[in-house]
Amino acid sequence: MTNLDVSTTLAEAVDSFPQLVREFERRGLDYCCGGQRTIADACESIGLDPAVTVAELSQLGATSVAAEWSTISVDELVDHIEATHHRYLWDELPRVTALLAKIVSVHGERHPELAEIAACFAEVRADLEPHMTKEERVLFPMIRELARSSDVPTSHCGSLRNPIWVMLSEHDAVGNLLARLHLLTGGYTPPADGCASYTACFFAMAELEADTHMHIHKENNVLFPLVVQLEAERTATLAR
């Protein structure tokens, strides 16, 4: 059983207490791109009291139950990410784009800030779609090959560390865009005069942000370290 304390990293906390994900989101604790920071460091950086935060989180997540994604094999984790998070984004990105276009056309004159919100979301989509394509066509097949054979797969990418480094950099970029979108929308709070479509659109963007945070966490803090370790072990074994 894992105990939650100020020295626990955000990634460790989310993997051990997955039921607390929404509490991390609500407090603005970045467990995806910033998952290797301790709770103490993360809290202090945004003005929260680490001891108070840990006490609150401990009460809400008293039982430590390891998340499923932290216990499955590398190739199973790739399949899970693709089937769960990639499928979700392929469906939601165009749907939210259409909702934004609708509310901009109806409410744009009264709410000129919608134009900037729509432009920011367009950047999020423009980053995520080619990113997922590269993972599905290049990186994930290489990871599956590594997991399912006794050899180290070879490609023009060289070591798997190289495409992983690119994916990490792209995760940082989309994380920054989502933070900007969160700010532009006031935490995805629709205005008092917003219609049902307005509310649905902002709710959808909030859900997309939360799902993408979890998506990035699973890759940055679970999948990629496992892949790097497995590749190093295979390389060492073959060199003997």
C-alpha atoms as a PDB file:
ATOM      1  CA  MET A   1       0.000   0.000   0.000  1.00  0.00           C
ATOM      2  CA  THR A   2       1.301   3.468  -0.934  1.00  0.00           C
ATOM      3  CA  ASN A   3       1.129   6.274   1.594  1.00  0.00           C
ATOM      4  CA  LEU A   4       0.486   9.771   0.335  1.00  0.00           C
ATOM      5  CA  ASP A   5       2.901  12.395   1.657  1.00  0.00           C
ATOM      6  CA  VAL A   6       4.548  15.615   0.493  1.00  0.00           C
ATOM      7  CA  SER A   7       7.508  13.705  -1.004  1.00  0.00           C
ATOM      8  CA  THR A   8       5.270  11.556  -3.221  1.00  0.00           C
ATOM      9  CA  THR A   9       5.517  12.550  -6.874  1.00  0.00           C
ATOM     10  CA  LEU A  10       2.321  13.556  -8.640  1.00  0.00           C
ATOM     11  CA  ALA A  11       2.714  10.633 -11.055  1.00  0.00           C
ATOM     12  CA  GLU A  12       3.082   8.138  -8.189  1.00  0.00           C
ATOM     13  CA  ALA A  13       0.037   9.625  -6.472  1.00  0.00           C
ATOM     14  CA  VAL A  14      -2.168   9.326  -9.563  1.00  0.00           C
ATOM     15  CA  ASP A  15      -1.039   5.760 -10.274  1.00  0.00           C
ATOM     16  CA  SER A  16      -1.661   4.696  -6.659  1.00  0.00           C
ATOM     17  CA  PHE A  17      -4.814   6.738  -6.091  1.00  0.00           C
ATOM     18  CA  PRO A  18      -6.506   7.053  -9.519  1.00  0.00           C
ATOM     19  CA  GLN A  19      -9.758   8.071  -7.804  1.00  0.00           C
ATOM     20  CA  LEU A  20      -8.074  11.401  -6.947  1.00  0.00           C
ATOM     21  CA  VAL A  21      -7.492  12.505 -10.541  1.00  0.00           C
ATOM     22  CA  ARG A  22     -10.351  15.022 -10.511  1.00  0.00           C
ATOM     23  CA  GLU A  23      -9.035  16.469  -7.240  1.00  0.00           C
ATOM     24  CA  PHE A  24      -5.629  17.027  -8.825  1.00  0.00           C
ATOM     25  CA  GLU A  25      -7.317  18.662 -11.810  1.00  0.00           C
ATOM     26  CA  ARG A  26      -9.477  20.847  -9.576  1.00  0.00           C
ATOM     27  CA  ARG A  27      -6.428  22.096  -7.665  1.00  0.00           C
ATOM     28  CA  GLY A  28      -4.410  22.745 -10.827  1.00  0.00           C
ATOM     29  CA  LEU A  29      -1.744  20.142  -9.965  1.00  0.00           C
ATOM     30  CA  ASP A  30      -0.042  19.107 -13.211  1.00  0.00           C
ATOM     31  CA  TYR A  31       0.401  15.343 -12.923  1.00  0.00           C
ATOM     32  CA  CYS A  32       1.048  14.740 -16.649  1.00  0.00           C
ATOM     33  CA  CYS A  33       3.919  16.877 -17.996  1.00  0.00           C
ATOM     34  CA  GLY A  34       4.864  17.756 -14.412  1.00  0.00           C
ATOM     35  CA  GLY A  35       4.342  14.280 -13.007  1.00  0.00           C
ATOM     36  CA  GLN A  36       7.874  13.852 -11.666  1.00  0.00           C
ATOM     37  CA  ARG A  37       7.533  16.801  -9.289  1.00  0.00           C
ATOM     38  CA  THR A  38       6.791  16.066  -5.649  1.00  0.00           C
ATOM     39  CA  ILE A  39       3.475  17.142  -4.181  1.00  0.00           C
ATOM     40  CA  ALA A  40       5.413  19.632  -2.055  1.00  0.00           C
ATOM     41  CA  ASP A  41       7.095  21.295  -5.044  1.00  0.00           C
ATOM     42  CA  ALA A  42       3.925  21.310  -7.144  1.00  0.00           C
ATOM     43  CA  CYS A  43       1.812  22.808  -4.356  1.00  0.00           C
ATOM     44  CA  GLU A  44       4.331  25.490  -3.488  1.00  0.00           C
ATOM     45  CA  SER A  45       4.616  26.551  -7.129  1.00  0.00           C
ATOM     46  CA  ILE A  46       0.906  27.443  -7.244  1.00  0.00           C
ATOM     47  CA  GLY A  47       0.491  28.727  -3.711  1.00  0.00           C
ATOM     48  CA  LEU A  48      -1.061  25.696  -2.024  1.00  0.00           C
ATOM     49  CA  ASP A  49      -0.035  24.431   1.402  1.00  0.00           C
ATOM     50  CA  PRO A  50       1.502  20.969   0.779  1.00  0.00           C
ATOM     51  CA  ALA A  51       0.599  19.560   4.213  1.00  0.00           C
ATOM     52  CA  VAL A  52      -3.003  20.741   3.997  1.00  0.00           C
ATOM     53  CA  THR A  53      -3.315  19.435   0.429  1.00  0.00           C
ATOM     54  CA  VAL A  54      -1.957  16.002   1.374  1.00  0.00           C
ATOM     55  CA  ALA A  55      -4.323  15.818   4.344  1.00  0.00           C
ATOM     56  CA  GLU A  56      -7.308  16.675   2.121  1.00  0.00           C
ATOM     57  CA  LEU A  57      -6.294  14.213  -0.576  1.00  0.00           C
ATOM     58  CA  SER A  58      -5.620  11.456   1.966  1.00  0.00           C
ATOM     59  CA  GLN A  59      -9.128  11.803   3.379  1.00  0.00           C
ATOM     60  CA  LEU A  60     -10.651  11.581  -0.100  1.00  0.00           C
ATOM     61  CA  GLY A  61      -8.540   8.648  -1.282  1.00  0.00           C
ATOM     62  CA  ALA A  62      -7.975   6.634   1.862  1.00  0.00           C
ATOM     63  CA  THR A  63      -7.520   3.333  -0.013  1.00  0.00           C
ATOM     64  CA  SER A  64      -4.563   2.862  -2.324  1.00  0.00           C
ATOM     65  CA  VAL A  65      -5.555   0.712  -5.314  1.00  0.00           C
ATOM     66  CA  ALA A  66      -3.005   0.598  -8.121  1.00  0.00           C
ATOM     67  CA  ALA A  67      -4.399   1.866 -11.403  1.00  0.00           C
ATOM     68  CA  GLU A  68      -4.874  -0.763 -14.091  1.00  0.00           C
ATOM     69  CA  TRP A  69      -2.579   1.086 -16.497  1.00  0.00           C
ATOM     70  CA  SER A  70       0.317   0.829 -14.021  1.00  0.00           C
ATOM     71  CA  THR A  71       0.180  -2.979 -13.825  1.00  0.00           C
ATOM     72  CA  ILE A  72      -0.228  -4.142 -17.436  1.00  0.00           C
ATOM     73  CA  SER A  73       2.510  -5.008 -19.953  1.00  0.00           C
ATOM     74  CA  VAL A  74       4.043  -2.465 -22.323  1.00  0.00           C
ATOM     75  CA  ASP A  75       2.230  -3.727 -25.414  1.00  0.00           C
ATOM     76  CA  GLU A  76      -1.075  -3.935 -23.525  1.00  0.00           C
ATOM     77  CA  LEU A  77      -0.574  -0.351 -22.354  1.00  0.00           C
ATOM     78  CA  VAL A  78      -0.004   0.823 -25.936  1.00  0.00           C
ATOM     79  CA  ASP A  79      -3.208  -0.927 -27.008  1.00  0.00           C
ATOM     80  CA  HIS A  80      -5.068   0.652 -24.087  1.00  0.00           C
ATOM     81  CA  ILE A  81      -3.857   4.179 -24.877  1.00  0.00           C
ATOM     82  CA  GLU A  82      -4.737   3.844 -28.540  1.00  0.00           C
ATOM     83  CA  ALA A  83      -8.172   2.324 -27.920  1.00  0.00           C
ATOM     84  CA  THR A  84      -9.082   4.658 -25.063  1.00  0.00           C
ATOM     85  CA  HIS A  85      -7.440   8.056 -25.497  1.00  0.00           C
ATOM     86  CA  HIS A  86      -6.634   8.156 -29.197  1.00  0.00           C
ATOM     87  CA  ARG A  87     -10.093   6.931 -30.157  1.00  0.00           C
ATOM     88  CA  TYR A  88     -11.635   9.538 -27.866  1.00  0.00           C
ATOM     89  CA  LEU A  89      -9.634  12.377 -29.428  1.00  0.00           C
ATOM     90  CA  TRP A  90     -10.291  11.276 -33.015  1.00  0.00           C
ATOM     91  CA  ASP A  91     -14.000  11.501 -32.198  1.00  0.00           C
ATOM     92  CA  GLU A  92     -14.025  14.597 -29.983  1.00  0.00           C
ATOM     93  CA  LEU A  93     -11.658  16.980 -31.775  1.00  0.00           C
ATOM     94  CA  PRO A  94     -13.888  17.396 -34.851  1.00  0.00           C
ATOM     95  CA  ARG A  95     -17.049  17.450 -32.700  1.00  0.00           C
ATOM     96  CA  VAL A  96     -15.745  20.269 -30.495  1.00  0.00           C
ATOM     97  CA  THR A  97     -14.493  22.142 -33.562  1.00  0.00           C
ATOM     98  CA  ALA A  98     -18.022  22.053 -34.989  1.00  0.00           C
ATOM     99  CA  LEU A  99     -19.544  23.188 -31.680  1.00  0.00           C
ATOM    100  CA  LEU A 100     -17.108  26.093 -31.494  1.00  0.00           C
ATOM    101  CA  ALA A 101     -17.927  27.166 -35.043  1.00  0.00           C
ATOM    102  CA  LYS A 102     -21.612  27.122 -34.139  1.00  0.00           C
ATOM    103  CA  ILE A 103     -21.321  29.261 -31.006  1.00  0.00           C
ATOM    104  CA  VAL A 104     -18.905  31.688 -32.682  1.00  0.00           C
ATOM    105  CA  SER A 105     -21.458  32.261 -35.456  1.00  0.00           C
ATOM    106  CA  VAL A 106     -24.300  32.797 -32.973  1.00  0.00           C
ATOM    107  CA  HIS A 107     -22.556  34.489 -30.031  1.00  0.00           C
ATOM    108  CA  GLY A 108     -19.362  35.858 -31.549  1.00  0.00           C
ATOM    109  CA  GLU A 109     -20.613  39.440 -31.800  1.00  0.00           C
ATOM    110  CA  ARG A 110     -21.536  39.601 -28.110  1.00  0.00           C
ATOM    111  CA  HIS A 111     -18.536  37.501 -27.049  1.00  0.00           C
ATOM    112  CA  PRO A 112     -15.542  38.429 -29.231  1.00  0.00           C
ATOM    113  CA  GLU A 113     -13.294  36.346 -26.967  1.00  0.00           C
ATOM    114  CA  LEU A 114     -14.742  33.264 -28.684  1.00  0.00           C
ATOM    115  CA  ALA A 115     -12.606  33.950 -31.751  1.00  0.00           C
ATOM    116  CA  GLU A 116      -9.418  33.577 -29.702  1.00  0.00           C
ATOM    117  CA  ILE A 117     -10.809  30.503 -27.944  1.00  0.00           C
ATOM    118  CA  ALA A 118     -11.615  28.875 -31.296  1.00  0.00           C
ATOM    119  CA  ALA A 119      -8.153  29.742 -32.649  1.00  0.00           C
ATOM    120  CA  CYS A 120      -6.487  28.218 -29.587  1.00  0.00           C
ATOM    121  CA  PHE A 121      -8.540  25.034 -29.860  1.00  0.00           C
ATOM    122  CA  ALA A 122      -7.618  24.834 -33.549  1.00  0.00           C
ATOM    123  CA  GLU A 123      -3.960  24.850 -32.472  1.00  0.00           C
ATOM    124  CA  VAL A 124      -4.649  22.057 -29.985  1.00  0.00           C
ATOM    125  CA  ARG A 125      -6.230  19.980 -32.735  1.00  0.00           C
ATOM    126  CA  ALA A 126      -3.449  20.807 -35.208  1.00  0.00           C
ATOM    127  CA  ASP A 127      -0.900  19.537 -32.665  1.00  0.00           C
ATOM    128  CA  LEU A 128      -2.739  16.433 -31.466  1.00  0.00           C
ATOM    129  CA  GLU A 129      -3.885  14.862 -34.721  1.00  0.00           C
ATOM    130  CA  PRO A 130      -0.458  14.559 -36.411  1.00  0.00           C
ATOM    131  CA  HIS A 131       1.036  13.614 -33.040  1.00  0.00           C
ATOM    132  CA  MET A 132      -1.335  10.660 -32.694  1.00  0.00           C
ATOM    133  CA  THR A 133      -0.722   9.654 -36.298  1.00  0.00           C
ATOM    134  CA  LYS A 134       3.045   9.469 -35.671  1.00  0.00           C
ATOM    135  CA  GLU A 135       2.469   7.386 -32.564  1.00  0.00           C
ATOM    136  CA  GLU A 136       0.074   4.991 -34.283  1.00  0.00           C
ATOM    137  CA  ARG A 137       2.158   4.565 -37.449  1.00  0.00           C
ATOM    138  CA  VAL A 138       5.713   4.704 -36.102  1.00  0.00           C
ATOM    139  CA  LEU A 139       6.291   4.647 -32.344  1.00  0.00           C
ATOM    140  CA  PHE A 140       3.578   2.277 -31.145  1.00  0.00           C
ATOM    141  CA  PRO A 141       4.363  -0.455 -33.729  1.00  0.00           C
ATOM    142  CA  MET A 142       8.028  -0.252 -32.678  1.00  0.00           C
ATOM    143  CA  ILE A 143       7.053  -0.588 -29.024  1.00  0.00           C
ATOM    144  CA  ARG A 144       4.869  -3.611 -29.787  1.00  0.00           C
ATOM    145  CA  GLU A 145       7.738  -5.209 -31.728  1.00  0.00           C
ATOM    146  CA  LEU A 146      10.124  -4.588 -28.829  1.00  0.00           C
ATOM    147  CA  ALA A 147       7.675  -6.084 -26.325  1.00  0.00           C
ATOM    148  CA  ARG A 148       6.827  -9.156 -28.362  1.00  0.00           C
ATOM    149  CA  SER A 149      10.260 -10.234 -29.606  1.00  0.00           C
ATOM    150  CA  SER A 150      13.666 -10.942 -28.113  1.00  0.00           C
ATOM    151  CA  ASP A 151      15.396  -8.428 -30.382  1.00  0.00           C
ATOM    152  CA  VAL A 152      15.651  -4.659 -30.366  1.00  0.00           C
ATOM    153  CA  PRO A 153      13.745  -3.283 -33.385  1.00  0.00           C
ATOM    154  CA  THR A 154      15.775  -1.225 -35.829  1.00  0.00           C
ATOM    155  CA  SER A 155      14.535   1.720 -37.870  1.00  0.00           C
ATOM    156  CA  HIS A 156      15.598   5.067 -39.270  1.00  0.00           C
ATOM    157  CA  CYS A 157      14.727   6.494 -35.839  1.00  0.00           C
ATOM    158  CA  GLY A 158      17.579   4.643 -34.161  1.00  0.00           C
ATOM    159  CA  SER A 159      16.929   4.075 -30.467  1.00  0.00           C
ATOM    160  CA  LEU A 160      13.351   4.360 -29.267  1.00  0.00           C
ATOM    161  CA  ARG A 161      14.618   7.159 -27.048  1.00  0.00           C
ATOM    162  CA  ASN A 162      14.680   9.401 -30.127  1.00  0.00           C
ATOM    163  CA  PRO A 163      10.975   9.314 -31.114  1.00  0.00           C
ATOM    164  CA  ILE A 164      10.069   9.273 -27.415  1.00  0.00           C
ATOM    165  CA  TRP A 165      11.993  12.523 -26.927  1.00  0.00           C
ATOM    166  CA  VAL A 166      10.011  14.065 -29.797  1.00  0.00           C
ATOM    167  CA  MET A 167       6.713  12.901 -28.282  1.00  0.00           C
ATOM    168  CA  LEU A 168       7.676  14.348 -24.883  1.00  0.00           C
ATOM    169  CA  SER A 169       8.437  17.699 -26.478  1.00  0.00           C
ATOM    170  CA  GLU A 170       5.089  17.676 -28.293  1.00  0.00           C
ATOM    171  CA  HIS A 171       3.302  16.776 -25.063  1.00  0.00           C
ATOM    172  CA  ASP A 172       4.799  19.873 -23.438  1.00  0.00           C
ATOM    173  CA  ALA A 173       3.573  22.005 -26.324  1.00  0.00           C
ATOM    174  CA  VAL A 174      -0.002  20.735 -26.202  1.00  0.00           C
ATOM    175  CA  GLY A 175       0.019  21.000 -22.420  1.00  0.00           C
ATOM    176  CA  ASN A 176       0.846  24.694 -22.743  1.00  0.00           C
ATOM    177  CA  LEU A 177      -1.933  25.163 -25.294  1.00  0.00           C
ATOM    178  CA  LEU A 178      -4.467  23.476 -23.013  1.00  0.00           C
ATOM    179  CA  ALA A 179      -3.382  25.704 -20.131  1.00  0.00           C
ATOM    180  CA  ARG A 180      -3.961  28.731 -22.359  1.00  0.00           C
ATOM    181  CA  LEU A 181      -7.365  27.416 -23.432  1.00  0.00           C
ATOM    182  CA  HIS A 182      -8.277  26.890 -19.776  1.00  0.00           C
ATOM    183  CA  LEU A 183      -7.361  30.499 -19.046  1.00  0.00           C
ATOM    184  CA  LEU A 184      -9.187  31.939 -22.058  1.00  0.00           C
ATOM    185  CA  THR A 185     -12.408  30.138 -21.101  1.00  0.00           C
ATOM    186  CA  GLY A 186     -12.227  31.063 -17.417  1.00  0.00           C
ATOM    187  CA  GLY A 187     -11.882  27.420 -16.486  1.00  0.00           C
ATOM    188  CA  TYR A 188     -14.473  26.412 -19.100  1.00  0.00           C
ATOM    189  CA  THR A 189     -17.173  28.522 -17.475  1.00  0.00           C
ATOM    190  CA  PRO A 190     -19.846  29.563 -20.004  1.00  0.00           C
ATOM    191  CA  PRO A 191     -21.352  33.063 -19.696  1.00  0.00           C
ATOM    192  CA  ALA A 192     -24.787  33.654 -18.183  1.00  0.00           C
ATOM    193  CA  ASP A 193     -26.279  34.267 -21.616  1.00  0.00           C
ATOM    194  CA  GLY A 194     -24.754  31.129 -23.142  1.00  0.00           C
ATOM    195  CA  CYS A 195     -27.141  28.736 -24.860  1.00  0.00           C
ATOM    196  CA  ALA A 196     -27.203  24.950 -24.474  1.00  0.00           C
ATOM    197  CA  SER A 197     -24.649  24.567 -27.281  1.00  0.00           C
ATOM    198  CA  TYR A 198     -22.350  27.060 -25.550  1.00  0.00           C
ATOM    199  CA  THR A 199     -22.536  25.069 -22.308  1.00  0.00           C
ATOM    200  CA  ALA A 200     -22.080  21.760 -24.119  1.00  0.00           C
ATOM    201  CA  CYS A 201     -19.034  23.091 -25.956  1.00  0.00           C
ATOM    202  CA  PHE A 202     -17.297  24.348 -22.826  1.00  0.00           C
ATOM    203  CA  PHE A 203     -18.108  21.111 -20.987  1.00  0.00           C
ATOM    204  CA  ALA A 204     -16.656  19.124 -23.901  1.00  0.00           C
ATOM    205  CA  MET A 205     -13.445  21.173 -23.847  1.00  0.00           C
ATOM    206  CA  ALA A 206     -13.116  20.631 -20.085  1.00  0.00           C
ATOM    207  CA  GLU A 207     -13.545  16.882 -20.529  1.00  0.00           C
ATOM    208  CA  LEU A 208     -11.057  16.853 -23.403  1.00  0.00           C
ATOM    209  CA  GLU A 209      -8.467  18.671 -21.304  1.00  0.00           C
ATOM    210  CA  ALA A 210      -8.881  16.217 -18.405  1.00  0.00           C
ATOM    211  CA  ASP A 211      -8.689  13.177 -20.693  1.00  0.00           C
ATOM    212  CA  THR A 212      -5.598  14.535 -22.449  1.00  0.00           C
ATOM    213  CA  HIS A 213      -3.883  15.155 -19.123  1.00  0.00           C
ATOM    214  CA  MET A 214      -4.452  11.501 -18.217  1.00  0.00           C
ATOM    215  CA  HIS A 215      -3.387  10.410 -21.712  1.00  0.00           C
ATOM    216  CA  ILE A 216      -0.099  12.311 -21.412  1.00  0.00           C
ATOM    217  CA  HIS A 217       0.458  11.009 -17.879  1.00  0.00           C
ATOM    218  CA  LYS A 218       0.160   7.403 -19.005  1.00  0.00           C
ATOM    219  CA  GLU A 219       2.697   7.969 -21.773  1.00  0.00           C
ATOM    220  CA  ASN A 220       5.181  10.309 -20.046  1.00  0.00           C
ATOM    221  CA  ASN A 221       5.228   8.713 -16.610  1.00  0.00           C
ATOM    222  CA  VAL A 222       4.364   5.065 -17.220  1.00  0.00           C
ATOM    223  CA  LEU A 223       4.781   3.888 -20.829  1.00  0.00           C
ATOM    224  CA  PHE A 224       7.884   5.765 -21.944  1.00  0.00           C
ATOM    225  CA  PRO A 225      10.030   4.967 -18.870  1.00  0.00           C
ATOM    226  CA  LEU A 226       9.080   1.283 -19.212  1.00  0.00           C
ATOM    227  CA  VAL A 227      10.012   1.287 -22.907  1.00  0.00           C
ATOM    228  CA  VAL A 228      13.374   2.956 -22.285  1.00  0.00           C
ATOM    229  CA  GLN A 229      14.128   0.443 -19.528  1.00  0.00           C
ATOM    230  CA  LEU A 230      13.065  -2.537 -21.658  1.00  0.00           C
ATOM    231  CA  GLU A 231      15.139  -1.393 -24.631  1.00  0.00           C
ATOM    232  CA  ALA A 232      18.204  -0.924 -22.413  1.00  0.00           C
ATOM    233  CA  GLU A 233      17.779  -4.382 -20.875  1.00  0.00           C
ATOM    234  CA  ARG A 234      17.365  -6.029 -24.305  1.00  0.00           C
ATOM    235  CA  THR A 235      20.396  -4.198 -25.677  1.00  0.00           C
ATOM    236  CA  ALA A 236      22.526  -5.271 -22.698  1.00  0.00           C
ATOM    237  CA  THR A 237      21.395  -8.886 -23.024  1.00  0.00           C
ATOM    238  CA  LEU A 238      22.177  -9.015 -26.756  1.00  0.00           C
ATOM    239  CA  ALA A 239      25.609  -7.503 -26.157  1.00  0.00           C
ATOM    240  CA  ARG A 240      26.679 -10.352 -23.842  1.00  0.00           C
END
